[in-house]
mmCIF file of all heavy atoms, coordinates in Angstrom:
data_MODEL
# 
_entry.id   MODEL 
# 
loop_
_atom_site.group_PDB 
_atom_site.id 
_atom_site.type_symbol 
_atom_site.label_atom_id 
_atom_site.label_alt_id 
_atom_site.label_comp_id 
_atom_site.label_asym_id 
_atom_site.label_entity_id 
_atom_site.label_seq_id 
_atom_site.pdbx_PDB_ins_code 
_atom_site.Cartn_x 
_atom_site.Cartn_y 
_atom_site.Cartn_z 
_atom_site.occupancy 
_atom_site.B_iso_or_equiv 
_atom_site.pdbx_formal_charge 
_atom_site.auth_seq_id 
_atom_site.auth_comp_id 
_atom_site.auth_asym_id 
_atom_site.auth_atom_id 
_atom_site.pdbx_PDB_model_num 
ATOM 1   N N   . LEU A 1 1  ? 9.570  31.933 1.489   1.00 0.00 ? 1  LEU A N   1 
ATOM 2   C CA  . LEU A 1 1  ? 10.936 31.481 0.971   1.00 0.00 ? 1  LEU A CA  1 
ATOM 3   C C   . LEU A 1 1  ? 10.549 30.731 -0.203  1.00 0.00 ? 1  LEU A C   1 
ATOM 4   O O   . LEU A 1 1  ? 9.547  29.996 -0.342  1.00 0.00 ? 1  LEU A O   1 
ATOM 5   C CB  . LEU A 1 1  ? 11.591 30.789 2.055   1.00 0.00 ? 1  LEU A CB  1 
ATOM 6   C CG  . LEU A 1 1  ? 12.005 31.464 3.296   1.00 0.00 ? 1  LEU A CG  1 
ATOM 7   C CD1 . LEU A 1 1  ? 12.560 30.572 4.323   1.00 0.00 ? 1  LEU A CD1 1 
ATOM 8   C CD2 . LEU A 1 1  ? 13.072 32.445 2.878   1.00 0.00 ? 1  LEU A CD2 1 
ATOM 9   N N   . THR A 1 2  ? 11.411 30.750 -1.163  1.00 0.00 ? 2  THR A N   1 
ATOM 10  C CA  . THR A 1 2  ? 11.305 30.204 -2.564  1.00 0.00 ? 2  THR A CA  1 
ATOM 11  C C   . THR A 1 2  ? 12.230 28.937 -2.731  1.00 0.00 ? 2  THR A C   1 
ATOM 12  O O   . THR A 1 2  ? 13.440 29.120 -2.360  1.00 0.00 ? 2  THR A O   1 
ATOM 13  C CB  . THR A 1 2  ? 11.314 31.140 -3.616  1.00 0.00 ? 2  THR A CB  1 
ATOM 14  O OG1 . THR A 1 2  ? 12.607 31.740 -3.687  1.00 0.00 ? 2  THR A OG1 1 
ATOM 15  C CG2 . THR A 1 2  ? 10.242 32.214 -3.502  1.00 0.00 ? 2  THR A CG2 1 
ATOM 16  N N   . ALA A 1 3  ? 11.874 28.023 -3.401  1.00 0.00 ? 3  ALA A N   1 
ATOM 17  C CA  . ALA A 1 3  ? 12.633 26.830 -3.799  1.00 0.00 ? 3  ALA A CA  1 
ATOM 18  C C   . ALA A 1 3  ? 12.536 26.543 -5.178  1.00 0.00 ? 3  ALA A C   1 
ATOM 19  O O   . ALA A 1 3  ? 11.440 26.746 -5.788  1.00 0.00 ? 3  ALA A O   1 
ATOM 20  C CB  . ALA A 1 3  ? 12.349 25.608 -2.831  1.00 0.00 ? 3  ALA A CB  1 
ATOM 21  N N   . SER A 1 4  ? 13.470 25.831 -5.769  1.00 0.00 ? 4  SER A N   1 
ATOM 22  C CA  . SER A 1 4  ? 13.398 25.254 -6.987  1.00 0.00 ? 4  SER A CA  1 
ATOM 23  C C   . SER A 1 4  ? 13.951 23.717 -6.951  1.00 0.00 ? 4  SER A C   1 
ATOM 24  O O   . SER A 1 4  ? 14.643 23.414 -6.126  1.00 0.00 ? 4  SER A O   1 
ATOM 25  C CB  . SER A 1 4  ? 14.367 26.040 -8.044  1.00 0.00 ? 4  SER A CB  1 
ATOM 26  O OG  . SER A 1 4  ? 13.899 27.296 -8.346  1.00 0.00 ? 4  SER A OG  1 
ATOM 27  N N   . VAL A 1 5  ? 13.269 22.991 -7.879  1.00 0.00 ? 5  VAL A N   1 
ATOM 28  C CA  . VAL A 1 5  ? 13.681 21.558 -7.897  1.00 0.00 ? 5  VAL A CA  1 
ATOM 29  C C   . VAL A 1 5  ? 14.086 21.206 -9.249  1.00 0.00 ? 5  VAL A C   1 
ATOM 30  O O   . VAL A 1 5  ? 13.657 21.529 -10.304 1.00 0.00 ? 5  VAL A O   1 
ATOM 31  C CB  . VAL A 1 5  ? 12.397 20.663 -7.637  1.00 0.00 ? 5  VAL A CB  1 
ATOM 32  C CG1 . VAL A 1 5  ? 12.697 19.200 -7.694  1.00 0.00 ? 5  VAL A CG1 1 
ATOM 33  C CG2 . VAL A 1 5  ? 11.885 20.989 -6.116  1.00 0.00 ? 5  VAL A CG2 1 
ATOM 34  N N   . ILE A 1 6  ? 15.324 20.499 -9.292  1.00 0.00 ? 6  ILE A N   1 
ATOM 35  C CA  . ILE A 1 6  ? 15.833 20.103 -10.598 1.00 0.00 ? 6  ILE A CA  1 
ATOM 36  C C   . ILE A 1 6  ? 15.980 18.579 -10.616 1.00 0.00 ? 6  ILE A C   1 
ATOM 37  O O   . ILE A 1 6  ? 16.599 17.997 -9.702  1.00 0.00 ? 6  ILE A O   1 
ATOM 38  C CB  . ILE A 1 6  ? 17.202 20.758 -10.893 1.00 0.00 ? 6  ILE A CB  1 
ATOM 39  C CG1 . ILE A 1 6  ? 17.271 22.275 -10.733 1.00 0.00 ? 6  ILE A CG1 1 
ATOM 40  C CG2 . ILE A 1 6  ? 17.851 20.316 -12.086 1.00 0.00 ? 6  ILE A CG2 1 
ATOM 41  C CD1 . ILE A 1 6  ? 18.550 22.881 -10.728 1.00 0.00 ? 6  ILE A CD1 1 
ATOM 42  N N   . ALA A 1 7  ? 15.388 17.948 -11.617 1.00 0.00 ? 7  ALA A N   1 
ATOM 43  C CA  . ALA A 1 7  ? 15.571 16.485 -11.838 1.00 0.00 ? 7  ALA A CA  1 
ATOM 44  C C   . ALA A 1 7  ? 16.621 16.262 -12.979 1.00 0.00 ? 7  ALA A C   1 
ATOM 45  O O   . ALA A 1 7  ? 16.478 16.876 -13.909 1.00 0.00 ? 7  ALA A O   1 
ATOM 46  C CB  . ALA A 1 7  ? 14.260 15.945 -12.097 1.00 0.00 ? 7  ALA A CB  1 
ATOM 47  N N   . VAL A 1 8  ? 17.567 15.440 -12.649 1.00 0.00 ? 8  VAL A N   1 
ATOM 48  C CA  . VAL A 1 8  ? 18.561 15.150 -13.708 1.00 0.00 ? 8  VAL A CA  1 
ATOM 49  C C   . VAL A 1 8  ? 18.324 13.693 -14.220 1.00 0.00 ? 8  VAL A C   1 
ATOM 50  O O   . VAL A 1 8  ? 18.256 12.739 -13.411 1.00 0.00 ? 8  VAL A O   1 
ATOM 51  C CB  . VAL A 1 8  ? 20.033 15.124 -13.060 1.00 0.00 ? 8  VAL A CB  1 
ATOM 52  C CG1 . VAL A 1 8  ? 21.065 14.918 -14.128 1.00 0.00 ? 8  VAL A CG1 1 
ATOM 53  C CG2 . VAL A 1 8  ? 20.227 16.613 -12.474 1.00 0.00 ? 8  VAL A CG2 1 
ATOM 54  N N   . GLY A 1 9  ? 18.030 13.514 -15.422 1.00 0.00 ? 9  GLY A N   1 
ATOM 55  C CA  . GLY A 1 9  ? 17.795 12.320 -15.920 1.00 0.00 ? 9  GLY A CA  1 
ATOM 56  C C   . GLY A 1 9  ? 17.164 12.219 -17.505 1.00 0.00 ? 9  GLY A C   1 
ATOM 57  O O   . GLY A 1 9  ? 16.092 12.777 -17.732 1.00 0.00 ? 9  GLY A O   1 
ATOM 58  N N   . ASP A 1 10 ? 17.914 11.640 -18.325 1.00 0.00 ? 10 ASP A N   1 
ATOM 59  C CA  . ASP A 1 10 ? 17.583 11.516 -19.650 1.00 0.00 ? 10 ASP A CA  1 
ATOM 60  C C   . ASP A 1 10 ? 16.354 10.637 -19.770 1.00 0.00 ? 10 ASP A C   1 
ATOM 61  O O   . ASP A 1 10 ? 15.410 10.768 -20.637 1.00 0.00 ? 10 ASP A O   1 
ATOM 62  C CB  . ASP A 1 10 ? 18.583 10.739 -20.603 1.00 0.00 ? 10 ASP A CB  1 
ATOM 63  C CG  . ASP A 1 10 ? 19.809 11.811 -20.773 1.00 0.00 ? 10 ASP A CG  1 
ATOM 64  O OD1 . ASP A 1 10 ? 19.622 13.028 -20.429 1.00 0.00 ? 10 ASP A OD1 1 
ATOM 65  O OD2 . ASP A 1 10 ? 20.875 11.287 -21.101 1.00 0.00 ? 10 ASP A OD2 1 
ATOM 66  N N   . GLU A 1 11 ? 16.232 9.607  -18.728 1.00 0.00 ? 11 GLU A N   1 
ATOM 67  C CA  . GLU A 1 11 ? 15.107 8.628  -18.875 1.00 0.00 ? 11 GLU A CA  1 
ATOM 68  C C   . GLU A 1 11 ? 13.784 9.412  -18.515 1.00 0.00 ? 11 GLU A C   1 
ATOM 69  O O   . GLU A 1 11 ? 12.687 8.942  -19.123 1.00 0.00 ? 11 GLU A O   1 
ATOM 70  C CB  . GLU A 1 11 ? 15.341 7.600  -17.655 1.00 0.00 ? 11 GLU A CB  1 
ATOM 71  C CG  . GLU A 1 11 ? 15.233 8.035  -16.302 1.00 0.00 ? 11 GLU A CG  1 
ATOM 72  C CD  . GLU A 1 11 ? 16.583 8.606  -15.852 1.00 0.00 ? 11 GLU A CD  1 
ATOM 73  O OE1 . GLU A 1 11 ? 17.440 8.774  -16.629 1.00 0.00 ? 11 GLU A OE1 1 
ATOM 74  O OE2 . GLU A 1 11 ? 16.614 8.967  -14.551 1.00 0.00 ? 11 GLU A OE2 1 
ATOM 75  N N   . ILE A 1 12 ? 13.773 10.501 -17.875 1.00 0.00 ? 12 ILE A N   1 
ATOM 76  C CA  . ILE A 1 12 ? 12.537 11.302 -17.599 1.00 0.00 ? 12 ILE A CA  1 
ATOM 77  C C   . ILE A 1 12 ? 12.225 12.043 -19.025 1.00 0.00 ? 12 ILE A C   1 
ATOM 78  O O   . ILE A 1 12 ? 11.064 12.063 -19.419 1.00 0.00 ? 12 ILE A O   1 
ATOM 79  C CB  . ILE A 1 12 ? 12.625 12.283 -16.490 1.00 0.00 ? 12 ILE A CB  1 
ATOM 80  C CG1 . ILE A 1 12 ? 12.933 11.496 -15.224 1.00 0.00 ? 12 ILE A CG1 1 
ATOM 81  C CG2 . ILE A 1 12 ? 11.390 13.144 -16.382 1.00 0.00 ? 12 ILE A CG2 1 
ATOM 82  C CD1 . ILE A 1 12 ? 13.184 12.437 -14.118 1.00 0.00 ? 12 ILE A CD1 1 
ATOM 83  N N   . LEU A 1 13 ? 13.290 12.699 -19.586 1.00 0.00 ? 13 LEU A N   1 
ATOM 84  C CA  . LEU A 1 13 ? 13.075 13.425 -20.832 1.00 0.00 ? 13 LEU A CA  1 
ATOM 85  C C   . LEU A 1 13 ? 12.540 12.623 -22.006 1.00 0.00 ? 13 LEU A C   1 
ATOM 86  O O   . LEU A 1 13 ? 11.860 13.054 -22.803 1.00 0.00 ? 13 LEU A O   1 
ATOM 87  C CB  . LEU A 1 13 ? 14.333 14.243 -21.057 1.00 0.00 ? 13 LEU A CB  1 
ATOM 88  C CG  . LEU A 1 13 ? 14.659 15.473 -20.217 1.00 0.00 ? 13 LEU A CG  1 
ATOM 89  C CD1 . LEU A 1 13 ? 16.146 15.880 -20.565 1.00 0.00 ? 13 LEU A CD1 1 
ATOM 90  C CD2 . LEU A 1 13 ? 13.705 16.525 -20.374 1.00 0.00 ? 13 LEU A CD2 1 
ATOM 91  N N   . PHE A 1 14 ? 13.119 11.322 -21.915 1.00 0.00 ? 14 PHE A N   1 
ATOM 92  C CA  . PHE A 1 14 ? 12.844 10.433 -23.088 1.00 0.00 ? 14 PHE A CA  1 
ATOM 93  C C   . PHE A 1 14 ? 11.405 9.751  -22.828 1.00 0.00 ? 14 PHE A C   1 
ATOM 94  O O   . PHE A 1 14 ? 10.974 8.993  -23.665 1.00 0.00 ? 14 PHE A O   1 
ATOM 95  C CB  . PHE A 1 14 ? 13.867 9.228  -23.177 1.00 0.00 ? 14 PHE A CB  1 
ATOM 96  C CG  . PHE A 1 14 ? 15.224 9.851  -23.593 1.00 0.00 ? 14 PHE A CG  1 
ATOM 97  C CD1 . PHE A 1 14 ? 16.422 9.022  -23.457 1.00 0.00 ? 14 PHE A CD1 1 
ATOM 98  C CD2 . PHE A 1 14 ? 15.317 11.162 -24.244 1.00 0.00 ? 14 PHE A CD2 1 
ATOM 99  C CE1 . PHE A 1 14 ? 17.646 9.681  -23.792 1.00 0.00 ? 14 PHE A CE1 1 
ATOM 100 C CE2 . PHE A 1 14 ? 16.624 11.594 -24.628 1.00 0.00 ? 14 PHE A CE2 1 
ATOM 101 C CZ  . PHE A 1 14 ? 17.747 10.809 -24.387 1.00 0.00 ? 14 PHE A CZ  1 
ATOM 102 N N   . GLY A 1 15 ? 10.832 9.956  -21.679 1.00 0.00 ? 15 GLY A N   1 
ATOM 103 C CA  . GLY A 1 15 ? 9.550  9.367  -21.431 1.00 0.00 ? 15 GLY A CA  1 
ATOM 104 C C   . GLY A 1 15 ? 9.577  7.961  -21.092 1.00 0.00 ? 15 GLY A C   1 
ATOM 105 O O   . GLY A 1 15 ? 8.601  7.375  -21.025 1.00 0.00 ? 15 GLY A O   1 
ATOM 106 N N   . ILE A 1 16 ? 10.732 7.454  -20.618 1.00 0.00 ? 16 ILE A N   1 
ATOM 107 C CA  . ILE A 1 16 ? 10.943 6.057  -20.195 1.00 0.00 ? 16 ILE A CA  1 
ATOM 108 C C   . ILE A 1 16 ? 10.324 5.807  -18.770 1.00 0.00 ? 16 ILE A C   1 
ATOM 109 O O   . ILE A 1 16 ? 9.630  4.771  -18.627 1.00 0.00 ? 16 ILE A O   1 
ATOM 110 C CB  . ILE A 1 16 ? 12.403 5.621  -20.329 1.00 0.00 ? 16 ILE A CB  1 
ATOM 111 C CG1 . ILE A 1 16 ? 12.974 5.826  -21.650 1.00 0.00 ? 16 ILE A CG1 1 
ATOM 112 C CG2 . ILE A 1 16 ? 12.596 4.193  -19.752 1.00 0.00 ? 16 ILE A CG2 1 
ATOM 113 C CD1 . ILE A 1 16 ? 14.417 5.653  -21.822 1.00 0.00 ? 16 ILE A CD1 1 
ATOM 114 N N   . VAL A 1 17 ? 10.571 6.808  -18.022 1.00 0.00 ? 17 VAL A N   1 
ATOM 115 C CA  . VAL A 1 17 ? 10.055 6.666  -16.572 1.00 0.00 ? 17 VAL A CA  1 
ATOM 116 C C   . VAL A 1 17 ? 9.187  7.980  -16.338 1.00 0.00 ? 17 VAL A C   1 
ATOM 117 O O   . VAL A 1 17 ? 9.477  9.030  -16.848 1.00 0.00 ? 17 VAL A O   1 
ATOM 118 C CB  . VAL A 1 17 ? 11.047 6.532  -15.442 1.00 0.00 ? 17 VAL A CB  1 
ATOM 119 C CG1 . VAL A 1 17 ? 11.817 5.149  -15.696 1.00 0.00 ? 17 VAL A CG1 1 
ATOM 120 C CG2 . VAL A 1 17 ? 12.102 7.552  -15.335 1.00 0.00 ? 17 VAL A CG2 1 
ATOM 121 N N   . GLU A 1 18 ? 8.275  8.040  -15.404 1.00 0.00 ? 18 GLU A N   1 
ATOM 122 C CA  . GLU A 1 18 ? 7.545  9.027  -14.945 1.00 0.00 ? 18 GLU A CA  1 
ATOM 123 C C   . GLU A 1 18 ? 8.125  9.616  -13.666 1.00 0.00 ? 18 GLU A C   1 
ATOM 124 O O   . GLU A 1 18 ? 8.406  8.916  -12.791 1.00 0.00 ? 18 GLU A O   1 
ATOM 125 C CB  . GLU A 1 18 ? 6.091  8.721  -14.749 1.00 0.00 ? 18 GLU A CB  1 
ATOM 126 C CG  . GLU A 1 18 ? 5.239  9.835  -14.348 1.00 0.00 ? 18 GLU A CG  1 
ATOM 127 C CD  . GLU A 1 18 ? 3.820  9.526  -14.090 1.00 0.00 ? 18 GLU A CD  1 
ATOM 128 O OE1 . GLU A 1 18 ? 3.405  8.394  -14.351 1.00 0.00 ? 18 GLU A OE1 1 
ATOM 129 O OE2 . GLU A 1 18 ? 3.059  10.369 -13.543 1.00 0.00 ? 18 GLU A OE2 1 
ATOM 130 N N   . ASP A 1 19 ? 8.416  10.964 -13.692 1.00 0.00 ? 19 ASP A N   1 
ATOM 131 C CA  . ASP A 1 19 ? 8.992  11.596 -12.474 1.00 0.00 ? 19 ASP A CA  1 
ATOM 132 C C   . ASP A 1 19 ? 7.999  11.633 -11.340 1.00 0.00 ? 19 ASP A C   1 
ATOM 133 O O   . ASP A 1 19 ? 7.018  12.338 -11.444 1.00 0.00 ? 19 ASP A O   1 
ATOM 134 C CB  . ASP A 1 19 ? 9.638  12.957 -12.826 1.00 0.00 ? 19 ASP A CB  1 
ATOM 135 C CG  . ASP A 1 19 ? 10.225 13.549 -11.553 1.00 0.00 ? 19 ASP A CG  1 
ATOM 136 O OD1 . ASP A 1 19 ? 10.638 12.939 -10.703 1.00 0.00 ? 19 ASP A OD1 1 
ATOM 137 O OD2 . ASP A 1 19 ? 10.212 14.856 -11.545 1.00 0.00 ? 19 ASP A OD2 1 
ATOM 138 N N   . GLN A 1 20 ? 8.202  10.838 -10.228 1.00 0.00 ? 20 GLN A N   1 
ATOM 139 C CA  . GLN A 1 20 ? 7.339  10.978 -8.976  1.00 0.00 ? 20 GLN A CA  1 
ATOM 140 C C   . GLN A 1 20 ? 7.959  11.752 -7.875  1.00 0.00 ? 20 GLN A C   1 
ATOM 141 O O   . GLN A 1 20 ? 7.199  12.267 -7.003  1.00 0.00 ? 20 GLN A O   1 
ATOM 142 C CB  . GLN A 1 20 ? 7.094  9.649  -8.617  1.00 0.00 ? 20 GLN A CB  1 
ATOM 143 C CG  . GLN A 1 20 ? 6.252  8.741  -9.610  1.00 0.00 ? 20 GLN A CG  1 
ATOM 144 C CD  . GLN A 1 20 ? 5.877  7.351  -8.967  1.00 0.00 ? 20 GLN A CD  1 
ATOM 145 O OE1 . GLN A 1 20 ? 6.540  6.826  -8.117  1.00 0.00 ? 20 GLN A OE1 1 
ATOM 146 N NE2 . GLN A 1 20 ? 4.922  6.813  -9.676  1.00 0.00 ? 20 GLN A NE2 1 
ATOM 147 N N   . LEU A 1 21 ? 9.326  11.964 -7.916  1.00 0.00 ? 21 LEU A N   1 
ATOM 148 C CA  . LEU A 1 21 ? 9.935  12.654 -6.852  1.00 0.00 ? 21 LEU A CA  1 
ATOM 149 C C   . LEU A 1 21 ? 9.652  14.251 -6.872  1.00 0.00 ? 21 LEU A C   1 
ATOM 150 O O   . LEU A 1 21 ? 9.426  14.723 -5.749  1.00 0.00 ? 21 LEU A O   1 
ATOM 151 C CB  . LEU A 1 21 ? 11.458 12.363 -6.973  1.00 0.00 ? 21 LEU A CB  1 
ATOM 152 C CG  . LEU A 1 21 ? 11.963 11.202 -6.113  1.00 0.00 ? 21 LEU A CG  1 
ATOM 153 C CD1 . LEU A 1 21 ? 11.402 9.973  -6.873  1.00 0.00 ? 21 LEU A CD1 1 
ATOM 154 C CD2 . LEU A 1 21 ? 13.559 11.110 -6.151  1.00 0.00 ? 21 LEU A CD2 1 
ATOM 155 N N   . GLY A 1 22 ? 9.636  14.823 -8.103  1.00 0.00 ? 22 GLY A N   1 
ATOM 156 C CA  . GLY A 1 22 ? 9.316  16.282 -8.196  1.00 0.00 ? 22 GLY A CA  1 
ATOM 157 C C   . GLY A 1 22 ? 7.960  16.617 -7.553  1.00 0.00 ? 22 GLY A C   1 
ATOM 158 O O   . GLY A 1 22 ? 7.830  17.499 -6.660  1.00 0.00 ? 22 GLY A O   1 
ATOM 159 N N   . PRO A 1 23 ? 6.902  16.019 -7.853  1.00 0.00 ? 23 PRO A N   1 
ATOM 160 C CA  . PRO A 1 23 ? 5.576  16.366 -7.323  1.00 0.00 ? 23 PRO A CA  1 
ATOM 161 C C   . PRO A 1 23 ? 5.622  16.087 -5.862  1.00 0.00 ? 23 PRO A C   1 
ATOM 162 O O   . PRO A 1 23 ? 4.928  16.945 -5.058  1.00 0.00 ? 23 PRO A O   1 
ATOM 163 C CB  . PRO A 1 23 ? 4.604  15.512 -8.065  1.00 0.00 ? 23 PRO A CB  1 
ATOM 164 C CG  . PRO A 1 23 ? 5.120  15.182 -9.428  1.00 0.00 ? 23 PRO A CG  1 
ATOM 165 C CD  . PRO A 1 23 ? 6.734  15.195 -9.047  1.00 0.00 ? 23 PRO A CD  1 
ATOM 166 N N   . SER A 1 24 ? 6.267  14.997 -5.434  1.00 0.00 ? 24 SER A N   1 
ATOM 167 C CA  . SER A 1 24 ? 6.204  14.671 -4.017  1.00 0.00 ? 24 SER A CA  1 
ATOM 168 C C   . SER A 1 24 ? 7.088  15.711 -3.187  1.00 0.00 ? 24 SER A C   1 
ATOM 169 O O   . SER A 1 24 ? 6.541  16.206 -2.115  1.00 0.00 ? 24 SER A O   1 
ATOM 170 C CB  . SER A 1 24 ? 6.949  13.297 -3.653  1.00 0.00 ? 24 SER A CB  1 
ATOM 171 O OG  . SER A 1 24 ? 6.845  13.017 -2.340  1.00 0.00 ? 24 SER A OG  1 
ATOM 172 N N   . LEU A 1 25 ? 8.146  16.164 -3.798  1.00 0.00 ? 25 LEU A N   1 
ATOM 173 C CA  . LEU A 1 25 ? 8.959  17.169 -3.166  1.00 0.00 ? 25 LEU A CA  1 
ATOM 174 C C   . LEU A 1 25 ? 8.254  18.603 -3.172  1.00 0.00 ? 25 LEU A C   1 
ATOM 175 O O   . LEU A 1 25 ? 8.397  19.316 -2.083  1.00 0.00 ? 25 LEU A O   1 
ATOM 176 C CB  . LEU A 1 25 ? 10.400 17.374 -3.910  1.00 0.00 ? 25 LEU A CB  1 
ATOM 177 C CG  . LEU A 1 25 ? 11.491 18.147 -3.127  1.00 0.00 ? 25 LEU A CG  1 
ATOM 178 C CD1 . LEU A 1 25 ? 11.723 17.560 -1.824  1.00 0.00 ? 25 LEU A CD1 1 
ATOM 179 C CD2 . LEU A 1 25 ? 12.681 18.052 -4.049  1.00 0.00 ? 25 LEU A CD2 1 
ATOM 180 N N   . SER A 1 26 ? 7.531  18.718 -4.089  1.00 0.00 ? 26 SER A N   1 
ATOM 181 C CA  . SER A 1 26 ? 6.725  20.029 -4.088  1.00 0.00 ? 26 SER A CA  1 
ATOM 182 C C   . SER A 1 26 ? 5.654  20.108 -2.982  1.00 0.00 ? 26 SER A C   1 
ATOM 183 O O   . SER A 1 26 ? 5.588  21.126 -2.275  1.00 0.00 ? 26 SER A O   1 
ATOM 184 C CB  . SER A 1 26 ? 5.885  20.104 -5.371  1.00 0.00 ? 26 SER A CB  1 
ATOM 185 O OG  . SER A 1 26 ? 5.004  21.210 -5.462  1.00 0.00 ? 26 SER A OG  1 
# 
């Protein structure tokens, strides 16, 4: 079974914060 993960956040795209939820969810 396949899944996709979408993070919504300008702060991630602007490099202000590092996304930790995506790797954890993976």
